[in-house]
């Protein structure tokens, strides 16, 4: 089947579904210049994640994260949404998508205009004081670090700020509970840019009625999928939106 034929089939599935949810992983953001941490040559090959991004390390040696981990995350907020993010926002606005469950911490879905986003691994928009619970915007956190305040401390209580993303060993955010509800009541789950290797996100496809996958490589859930498109997310989603507009006479 050609890519256009696969896209036409995906459009059929989307138009027939009474409730569709998207699940996105690192692969949707690589076209925005954010590398997949787990890919060959990615961050995990250069930094030990169980050291620099461990909840235990942060608890006992927070400076280790700010010295070894933060420099690799600081530029993520400079990235811009790509066509795949934009089309997901357009589908939600058109009433064809219930929302997006994402494994990413880059906030690109929100920047593209998506309103209903469940962030399984948190985000990099802010940090929270581990002592008083006060919050600081991400830019404010970076300012403290750039001023050599490592680890950065709360102005009110001098507690240490921890980014609002999920570290290894942390509990998942409450968004995972919401994601379970949304996916389990969906007729179609559209997976984009995820190999579905990371728990517990890899459990979600088992809950969906039908499954469609857009990913460059094979995934752990290919055997359940009704449709697999091994092409880039941006091109595929752009073709999908054009196909839907054509059918709706837009």
C-alpha atoms as a PDB file:
ATOM      1  CA  UNK A   1       0.000   0.000   0.000  1.00  0.00           C
ATOM      2  CA  UNK A   2       1.316   3.461  -0.878  1.00  0.00           C
ATOM      3  CA  UNK A   3       1.547   6.172   1.754  1.00  0.00           C
ATOM      4  CA  UNK A   4      -1.448   7.967   0.245  1.00  0.00           C
ATOM      5  CA  UNK A   5      -3.488   4.756   0.385  1.00  0.00           C
ATOM      6  CA  UNK A   6      -2.486   4.233   4.007  1.00  0.00           C
ATOM      7  CA  UNK A   7      -3.470   7.809   4.817  1.00  0.00           C
ATOM      8  CA  UNK A   8      -6.840   7.300   3.116  1.00  0.00           C
ATOM      9  CA  UNK A   9      -7.429   4.243   5.275  1.00  0.00           C
ATOM     10  CA  UNK A  10      -6.472   6.200   8.387  1.00  0.00           C
ATOM     11  CA  UNK A  11      -8.947   8.897   7.386  1.00  0.00           C
ATOM     12  CA  UNK A  12     -11.627   6.195   7.081  1.00  0.00           C
ATOM     13  CA  UNK A  13     -10.866   4.992  10.605  1.00  0.00           C
ATOM     14  CA  UNK A  14     -10.823   8.494  12.039  1.00  0.00           C
ATOM     15  CA  UNK A  15     -14.089   9.545  10.414  1.00  0.00           C
ATOM     16  CA  UNK A  16     -15.806   6.340  11.549  1.00  0.00           C
ATOM     17  CA  UNK A  17     -14.625   6.614  15.154  1.00  0.00           C
ATOM     18  CA  UNK A  18     -16.939   8.148  17.746  1.00  0.00           C
ATOM     19  CA  UNK A  19     -13.979   8.830  20.052  1.00  0.00           C
ATOM     20  CA  UNK A  20     -10.321   9.023  19.087  1.00  0.00           C
ATOM     21  CA  UNK A  21      -7.368   9.686  21.385  1.00  0.00           C
ATOM     22  CA  UNK A  22      -3.759  10.258  20.311  1.00  0.00           C
ATOM     23  CA  UNK A  23      -0.710   8.906  22.147  1.00  0.00           C
ATOM     24  CA  UNK A  24       2.557  10.613  21.257  1.00  0.00           C
ATOM     25  CA  UNK A  25       6.198   9.880  21.987  1.00  0.00           C
ATOM     26  CA  UNK A  26       9.599  11.359  21.233  1.00  0.00           C
ATOM     27  CA  UNK A  27       9.298  10.647  17.512  1.00  0.00           C
ATOM     28  CA  UNK A  28       6.690  13.353  17.001  1.00  0.00           C
ATOM     29  CA  UNK A  29       9.095  16.023  18.265  1.00  0.00           C
ATOM     30  CA  UNK A  30      12.270  15.021  16.430  1.00  0.00           C
ATOM     31  CA  UNK A  31      11.082  17.099  13.459  1.00  0.00           C
ATOM     32  CA  UNK A  32      11.056  20.071  15.841  1.00  0.00           C
ATOM     33  CA  UNK A  33      14.743  19.511  16.544  1.00  0.00           C
ATOM     34  CA  UNK A  34      14.354  17.636  19.834  1.00  0.00           C
ATOM     35  CA  UNK A  35      16.367  14.392  19.676  1.00  0.00           C
ATOM     36  CA  UNK A  36      14.975  11.091  20.875  1.00  0.00           C
ATOM     37  CA  UNK A  37      16.870  10.468  24.114  1.00  0.00           C
ATOM     38  CA  UNK A  38      16.817   6.683  23.607  1.00  0.00           C
ATOM     39  CA  UNK A  39      17.954   6.589  19.983  1.00  0.00           C
ATOM     40  CA  UNK A  40      21.565   5.719  19.028  1.00  0.00           C
ATOM     41  CA  UNK A  41      23.648   8.783  19.777  1.00  0.00           C
ATOM     42  CA  UNK A  42      20.841  10.202  21.910  1.00  0.00           C
ATOM     43  CA  UNK A  43      21.138  11.657  25.396  1.00  0.00           C
ATOM     44  CA  UNK A  44      21.040   8.302  27.183  1.00  0.00           C
ATOM     45  CA  UNK A  45      24.186   7.251  25.317  1.00  0.00           C
ATOM     46  CA  UNK A  46      26.038  10.293  26.686  1.00  0.00           C
ATOM     47  CA  UNK A  47      24.526  10.702  30.153  1.00  0.00           C
ATOM     48  CA  UNK A  48      23.618   7.953  32.616  1.00  0.00           C
ATOM     49  CA  UNK A  49      19.872   8.570  33.105  1.00  0.00           C
ATOM     50  CA  UNK A  50      19.788   6.584  36.328  1.00  0.00           C
ATOM     51  CA  UNK A  51      22.275   9.063  37.743  1.00  0.00           C
ATOM     52  CA  UNK A  52      21.468  12.466  36.273  1.00  0.00           C
ATOM     53  CA  UNK A  53      17.691  11.941  36.037  1.00  0.00           C
ATOM     54  CA  UNK A  54      17.055   9.722  39.057  1.00  0.00           C
ATOM     55  CA  UNK A  55      14.624  10.755  41.800  1.00  0.00           C
ATOM     56  CA  UNK A  56      16.986   9.293  44.405  1.00  0.00           C
ATOM     57  CA  UNK A  57      19.946  11.217  43.029  1.00  0.00           C
ATOM     58  CA  UNK A  58      17.917  14.415  43.049  1.00  0.00           C
ATOM     59  CA  UNK A  59      16.814  13.813  46.619  1.00  0.00           C
ATOM     60  CA  UNK A  60      20.336  13.335  47.967  1.00  0.00           C
ATOM     61  CA  UNK A  61      22.493  15.130  45.386  1.00  0.00           C
ATOM     62  CA  UNK A  62      20.320  17.668  43.551  1.00  0.00           C
ATOM     63  CA  UNK A  63      23.370  19.474  42.228  1.00  0.00           C
ATOM     64  CA  UNK A  64      24.140  16.391  40.110  1.00  0.00           C
ATOM     65  CA  UNK A  65      20.995  16.965  38.037  1.00  0.00           C
ATOM     66  CA  UNK A  66      21.628  20.663  37.607  1.00  0.00           C
ATOM     67  CA  UNK A  67      25.225  20.023  36.537  1.00  0.00           C
ATOM     68  CA  UNK A  68      24.827  16.876  34.402  1.00  0.00           C
ATOM     69  CA  UNK A  69      21.167  16.770  33.385  1.00  0.00           C
ATOM     70  CA  UNK A  70      19.738  20.276  33.055  1.00  0.00           C
ATOM     71  CA  UNK A  71      22.149  21.459  30.320  1.00  0.00           C
ATOM     72  CA  UNK A  72      20.624  18.842  27.999  1.00  0.00           C
ATOM     73  CA  UNK A  73      17.066  20.032  28.725  1.00  0.00           C
ATOM     74  CA  UNK A  74      17.543  23.791  28.772  1.00  0.00           C
ATOM     75  CA  UNK A  75      17.006  24.258  25.015  1.00  0.00           C
ATOM     76  CA  UNK A  76      13.841  22.149  24.734  1.00  0.00           C
ATOM     77  CA  UNK A  77      11.597  25.130  25.414  1.00  0.00           C
ATOM     78  CA  UNK A  78      13.076  26.893  22.370  1.00  0.00           C
ATOM     79  CA  UNK A  79      11.610  24.258  20.031  1.00  0.00           C
ATOM     80  CA  UNK A  80       8.551  25.009  17.910  1.00  0.00           C
ATOM     81  CA  UNK A  81       5.617  22.730  17.023  1.00  0.00           C
ATOM     82  CA  UNK A  82       5.811  20.940  13.694  1.00  0.00           C
ATOM     83  CA  UNK A  83       3.073  19.928  11.280  1.00  0.00           C
ATOM     84  CA  UNK A  84       2.143  16.805  13.255  1.00  0.00           C
ATOM     85  CA  UNK A  85       1.473  18.852  16.395  1.00  0.00           C
ATOM     86  CA  UNK A  86      -0.521  21.379  14.379  1.00  0.00           C
ATOM     87  CA  UNK A  87      -2.740  18.756  12.745  1.00  0.00           C
ATOM     88  CA  UNK A  88      -3.527  17.117  16.096  1.00  0.00           C
ATOM     89  CA  UNK A  89      -4.637  20.521  17.399  1.00  0.00           C
ATOM     90  CA  UNK A  90      -6.736  21.041  14.270  1.00  0.00           C
ATOM     91  CA  UNK A  91      -8.371  17.622  14.667  1.00  0.00           C
ATOM     92  CA  UNK A  92      -9.276  18.431  18.267  1.00  0.00           C
ATOM     93  CA  UNK A  93     -10.669  21.815  17.233  1.00  0.00           C
ATOM     94  CA  UNK A  94     -12.744  20.068  14.553  1.00  0.00           C
ATOM     95  CA  UNK A  95     -14.227  17.695  17.136  1.00  0.00           C
ATOM     96  CA  UNK A  96     -12.465  14.664  15.684  1.00  0.00           C
ATOM     97  CA  UNK A  97      -9.967  14.100  18.514  1.00  0.00           C
ATOM     98  CA  UNK A  98     -10.777  13.832  22.219  1.00  0.00           C
ATOM     99  CA  UNK A  99      -7.257  14.815  23.255  1.00  0.00           C
ATOM    100  CA  UNK A 100      -3.591  13.872  23.352  1.00  0.00           C
ATOM    101  CA  UNK A 101      -1.768  11.642  25.807  1.00  0.00           C
ATOM    102  CA  UNK A 102       1.943  12.417  25.561  1.00  0.00           C
ATOM    103  CA  UNK A 103       5.146  10.944  26.909  1.00  0.00           C
ATOM    104  CA  UNK A 104       6.956  14.171  26.037  1.00  0.00           C
ATOM    105  CA  UNK A 105       7.826  17.042  28.370  1.00  0.00           C
ATOM    106  CA  UNK A 106       8.249  19.702  25.664  1.00  0.00           C
ATOM    107  CA  UNK A 107       4.749  21.298  25.766  1.00  0.00           C
ATOM    108  CA  UNK A 108       4.681  21.417  21.958  1.00  0.00           C
ATOM    109  CA  UNK A 109       1.107  20.145  21.833  1.00  0.00           C
ATOM    110  CA  UNK A 110      -0.084  23.082  23.914  1.00  0.00           C
ATOM    111  CA  UNK A 111       1.954  25.521  21.835  1.00  0.00           C
ATOM    112  CA  UNK A 112       0.332  24.123  18.699  1.00  0.00           C
ATOM    113  CA  UNK A 113      -3.117  24.792  20.171  1.00  0.00           C
ATOM    114  CA  UNK A 114      -4.169  21.473  21.716  1.00  0.00           C
ATOM    115  CA  UNK A 115      -6.412  22.102  24.725  1.00  0.00           C
ATOM    116  CA  UNK A 116      -6.781  18.589  26.170  1.00  0.00           C
ATOM    117  CA  UNK A 117      -3.300  17.194  26.821  1.00  0.00           C
ATOM    118  CA  UNK A 118      -2.384  14.574  29.422  1.00  0.00           C
ATOM    119  CA  UNK A 119       1.342  14.691  30.198  1.00  0.00           C
ATOM    120  CA  UNK A 120       2.457  11.310  31.534  1.00  0.00           C
ATOM    121  CA  UNK A 121       5.968  12.500  32.323  1.00  0.00           C
ATOM    122  CA  UNK A 122       5.193  16.049  33.403  1.00  0.00           C
ATOM    123  CA  UNK A 123       6.603  19.143  31.721  1.00  0.00           C
ATOM    124  CA  UNK A 124       9.359  21.758  31.715  1.00  0.00           C
ATOM    125  CA  UNK A 125       7.181  24.838  32.135  1.00  0.00           C
ATOM    126  CA  UNK A 126       7.926  25.230  35.834  1.00  0.00           C
ATOM    127  CA  UNK A 127       9.631  23.824  38.929  1.00  0.00           C
ATOM    128  CA  UNK A 128       8.308  23.301  42.457  1.00  0.00           C
ATOM    129  CA  UNK A 129      10.001  23.923  45.792  1.00  0.00           C
ATOM    130  CA  UNK A 130      10.426  20.595  47.568  1.00  0.00           C
ATOM    131  CA  UNK A 131       9.913  22.291  50.932  1.00  0.00           C
ATOM    132  CA  UNK A 132       7.035  24.788  50.656  1.00  0.00           C
ATOM    133  CA  UNK A 133       5.487  23.793  47.312  1.00  0.00           C
ATOM    134  CA  UNK A 134       5.983  27.214  45.759  1.00  0.00           C
ATOM    135  CA  UNK A 135       6.462  27.310  42.003  1.00  0.00           C
ATOM    136  CA  UNK A 136       8.804  29.138  39.690  1.00  0.00           C
ATOM    137  CA  UNK A 137       8.565  29.490  35.907  1.00  0.00           C
ATOM    138  CA  UNK A 138      11.128  27.569  33.862  1.00  0.00           C
ATOM    139  CA  UNK A 139      12.853  30.755  32.706  1.00  0.00           C
ATOM    140  CA  UNK A 140      13.195  31.858  36.325  1.00  0.00           C
ATOM    141  CA  UNK A 141      14.748  28.517  37.215  1.00  0.00           C
ATOM    142  CA  UNK A 142      17.273  28.849  34.393  1.00  0.00           C
ATOM    143  CA  UNK A 143      18.131  32.380  35.536  1.00  0.00           C
ATOM    144  CA  UNK A 144      19.053  31.062  38.975  1.00  0.00           C
ATOM    145  CA  UNK A 145      21.193  28.314  37.459  1.00  0.00           C
ATOM    146  CA  UNK A 146      22.903  30.762  35.086  1.00  0.00           C
ATOM    147  CA  UNK A 147      23.685  32.903  38.136  1.00  0.00           C
ATOM    148  CA  UNK A 148      25.525  29.850  39.556  1.00  0.00           C
ATOM    149  CA  UNK A 149      22.863  29.091  42.160  1.00  0.00           C
ATOM    150  CA  UNK A 150      23.218  25.299  42.065  1.00  0.00           C
ATOM    151  CA  UNK A 151      20.952  23.872  43.193  1.00  0.00           C
ATOM    152  CA  UNK A 152      18.492  26.762  42.738  1.00  0.00           C
ATOM    153  CA  UNK A 153      16.628  27.635  45.913  1.00  0.00           C
ATOM    154  CA  UNK A 154      13.230  29.090  46.763  1.00  0.00           C
ATOM    155  CA  UNK A 155      13.255  32.791  47.631  1.00  0.00           C
ATOM    156  CA  UNK A 156      10.692  32.218  50.392  1.00  0.00           C
ATOM    157  CA  UNK A 157      12.041  29.211  52.316  1.00  0.00           C
ATOM    158  CA  UNK A 158      15.378  28.343  50.691  1.00  0.00           C
ATOM    159  CA  UNK A 159      14.048  24.920  49.723  1.00  0.00           C
ATOM    160  CA  UNK A 160      15.390  23.317  46.548  1.00  0.00           C
ATOM    161  CA  UNK A 161      13.465  23.617  43.283  1.00  0.00           C
ATOM    162  CA  UNK A 162      12.698  20.399  41.391  1.00  0.00           C
ATOM    163  CA  UNK A 163      11.516  20.562  37.756  1.00  0.00           C
ATOM    164  CA  UNK A 164       7.901  19.482  37.222  1.00  0.00           C
ATOM    165  CA  UNK A 165       8.901  16.523  35.056  1.00  0.00           C
ATOM    166  CA  UNK A 166       8.914  12.888  36.150  1.00  0.00           C
ATOM    167  CA  UNK A 167      12.313  11.549  37.186  1.00  0.00           C
ATOM    168  CA  UNK A 168      13.221   7.861  37.186  1.00  0.00           C
ATOM    169  CA  UNK A 169      11.732   6.492  40.391  1.00  0.00           C
ATOM    170  CA  UNK A 170       9.059   9.192  40.688  1.00  0.00           C
ATOM    171  CA  UNK A 171       5.369   8.380  40.702  1.00  0.00           C
ATOM    172  CA  UNK A 172       3.554   9.307  37.515  1.00  0.00           C
ATOM    173  CA  UNK A 173       1.415  12.424  37.485  1.00  0.00           C
ATOM    174  CA  UNK A 174      -2.347  12.303  37.937  1.00  0.00           C
ATOM    175  CA  UNK A 175      -2.581  12.688  34.177  1.00  0.00           C
ATOM    176  CA  UNK A 176      -1.936   8.950  33.838  1.00  0.00           C
ATOM    177  CA  UNK A 177      -5.194   8.158  35.655  1.00  0.00           C
ATOM    178  CA  UNK A 178      -7.036  10.493  33.297  1.00  0.00           C
ATOM    179  CA  UNK A 179      -5.276   8.944  30.315  1.00  0.00           C
ATOM    180  CA  UNK A 180      -6.433   5.478  31.382  1.00  0.00           C
ATOM    181  CA  UNK A 181     -10.040   6.696  31.445  1.00  0.00           C
ATOM    182  CA  UNK A 182      -9.812   8.422  28.083  1.00  0.00           C
ATOM    183  CA  UNK A 183      -8.092   5.588  26.231  1.00  0.00           C
ATOM    184  CA  UNK A 184     -10.253   2.846  27.746  1.00  0.00           C
ATOM    185  CA  UNK A 185     -13.385   4.607  26.455  1.00  0.00           C
ATOM    186  CA  UNK A 186     -11.966   5.348  23.002  1.00  0.00           C
ATOM    187  CA  UNK A 187     -12.842   3.570  19.786  1.00  0.00           C
ATOM    188  CA  UNK A 188      -9.514   4.473  18.170  1.00  0.00           C
ATOM    189  CA  UNK A 189      -6.064   5.156  19.611  1.00  0.00           C
ATOM    190  CA  UNK A 190      -3.675   6.893  17.221  1.00  0.00           C
ATOM    191  CA  UNK A 191      -0.060   6.331  18.297  1.00  0.00           C
ATOM    192  CA  UNK A 192       2.450   8.778  16.823  1.00  0.00           C
ATOM    193  CA  UNK A 193       6.207   8.658  17.282  1.00  0.00           C
ATOM    194  CA  UNK A 194       6.437   6.076  20.042  1.00  0.00           C
ATOM    195  CA  UNK A 195       8.110   2.677  20.045  1.00  0.00           C
ATOM    196  CA  UNK A 196       5.809   1.749  22.966  1.00  0.00           C
ATOM    197  CA  UNK A 197       8.711   0.301  24.944  1.00  0.00           C
ATOM    198  CA  UNK A 198       8.361   2.466  28.057  1.00  0.00           C
ATOM    199  CA  UNK A 199       6.061   1.470  30.888  1.00  0.00           C
ATOM    200  CA  UNK A 200       3.330   2.226  31.661  1.00  0.00           C
ATOM    201  CA  UNK A 201       2.496   4.051  28.419  1.00  0.00           C
ATOM    202  CA  UNK A 202       2.970   0.788  26.513  1.00  0.00           C
ATOM    203  CA  UNK A 203      -0.050  -0.555  28.393  1.00  0.00           C
ATOM    204  CA  UNK A 204      -2.443   2.006  26.912  1.00  0.00           C
ATOM    205  CA  UNK A 205      -2.765   0.449  23.414  1.00  0.00           C
ATOM    206  CA  UNK A 206      -4.133  -2.696  25.035  1.00  0.00           C
ATOM    207  CA  UNK A 207      -7.109  -0.684  26.321  1.00  0.00           C
ATOM    208  CA  UNK A 208      -8.175   0.883  23.043  1.00  0.00           C
ATOM    209  CA  UNK A 209     -10.808  -0.452  20.686  1.00  0.00           C
ATOM    210  CA  UNK A 210      -8.768  -0.066  17.495  1.00  0.00           C
ATOM    211  CA  UNK A 211      -5.149   0.944  17.092  1.00  0.00           C
ATOM    212  CA  UNK A 212      -3.367   2.876  14.342  1.00  0.00           C
ATOM    213  CA  UNK A 213       0.367   3.578  14.514  1.00  0.00           C
ATOM    214  CA  UNK A 214       2.516   6.195  12.796  1.00  0.00           C
ATOM    215  CA  UNK A 215       6.176   5.519  13.569  1.00  0.00           C
ATOM    216  CA  UNK A 216       9.372   5.216  11.567  1.00  0.00           C
ATOM    217  CA  UNK A 217      10.287   1.891  13.176  1.00  0.00           C
ATOM    218  CA  UNK A 218       8.480  -1.171  14.481  1.00  0.00           C
ATOM    219  CA  UNK A 219       6.703  -0.903  17.840  1.00  0.00           C
ATOM    220  CA  UNK A 220       5.850  -3.314  20.628  1.00  0.00           C
ATOM    221  CA  UNK A 221       2.150  -3.105  19.699  1.00  0.00           C
ATOM    222  CA  UNK A 222       2.351  -3.718  15.952  1.00  0.00           C
ATOM    223  CA  UNK A 223       0.600  -7.063  16.384  1.00  0.00           C
ATOM    224  CA  UNK A 224      -2.549  -5.360  17.696  1.00  0.00           C
ATOM    225  CA  UNK A 225      -2.611  -2.508  15.194  1.00  0.00           C
ATOM    226  CA  UNK A 226      -5.205  -2.327  12.424  1.00  0.00           C
ATOM    227  CA  UNK A 227      -2.962   0.070  10.505  1.00  0.00           C
ATOM    228  CA  UNK A 228       0.786   0.740  10.649  1.00  0.00           C
ATOM    229  CA  UNK A 229       2.336   3.660   8.770  1.00  0.00           C
ATOM    230  CA  UNK A 230       6.143   3.661   8.848  1.00  0.00           C
ATOM    231  CA  UNK A 231       6.684   7.230   7.700  1.00  0.00           C
ATOM    232  CA  UNK A 232       7.495  10.564   9.301  1.00  0.00           C
ATOM    233  CA  UNK A 233       4.824  12.036  11.542  1.00  0.00           C
ATOM    234  CA  UNK A 234       4.837  15.479   9.949  1.00  0.00           C
ATOM    235  CA  UNK A 235       4.334  14.327   6.363  1.00  0.00           C
ATOM    236  CA  UNK A 236       1.777  11.675   7.301  1.00  0.00           C
ATOM    237  CA  UNK A 237      -0.324  14.016   9.428  1.00  0.00           C
ATOM    238  CA  UNK A 238      -0.222  16.738   6.774  1.00  0.00           C
ATOM    239  CA  UNK A 239      -1.502  14.270   4.181  1.00  0.00           C
ATOM    240  CA  UNK A 240      -4.164  13.104   6.633  1.00  0.00           C
ATOM    241  CA  UNK A 241      -5.448  16.629   7.208  1.00  0.00           C
ATOM    242  CA  UNK A 242      -5.566  17.315   3.465  1.00  0.00           C
ATOM    243  CA  UNK A 243      -7.468  14.055   2.937  1.00  0.00           C
ATOM    244  CA  UNK A 244     -10.017  14.985   5.592  1.00  0.00           C
ATOM    245  CA  UNK A 245     -10.459  18.483   4.161  1.00  0.00           C
ATOM    246  CA  UNK A 246     -10.994  16.991   0.701  1.00  0.00           C
ATOM    247  CA  UNK A 247     -13.691  14.659   1.985  1.00  0.00           C
ATOM    248  CA  UNK A 248     -15.417  17.423   3.899  1.00  0.00           C
ATOM    249  CA  UNK A 249     -15.213  19.771   0.952  1.00  0.00           C
ATOM    250  CA  UNK A 250     -12.890  22.156   2.777  1.00  0.00           C
END
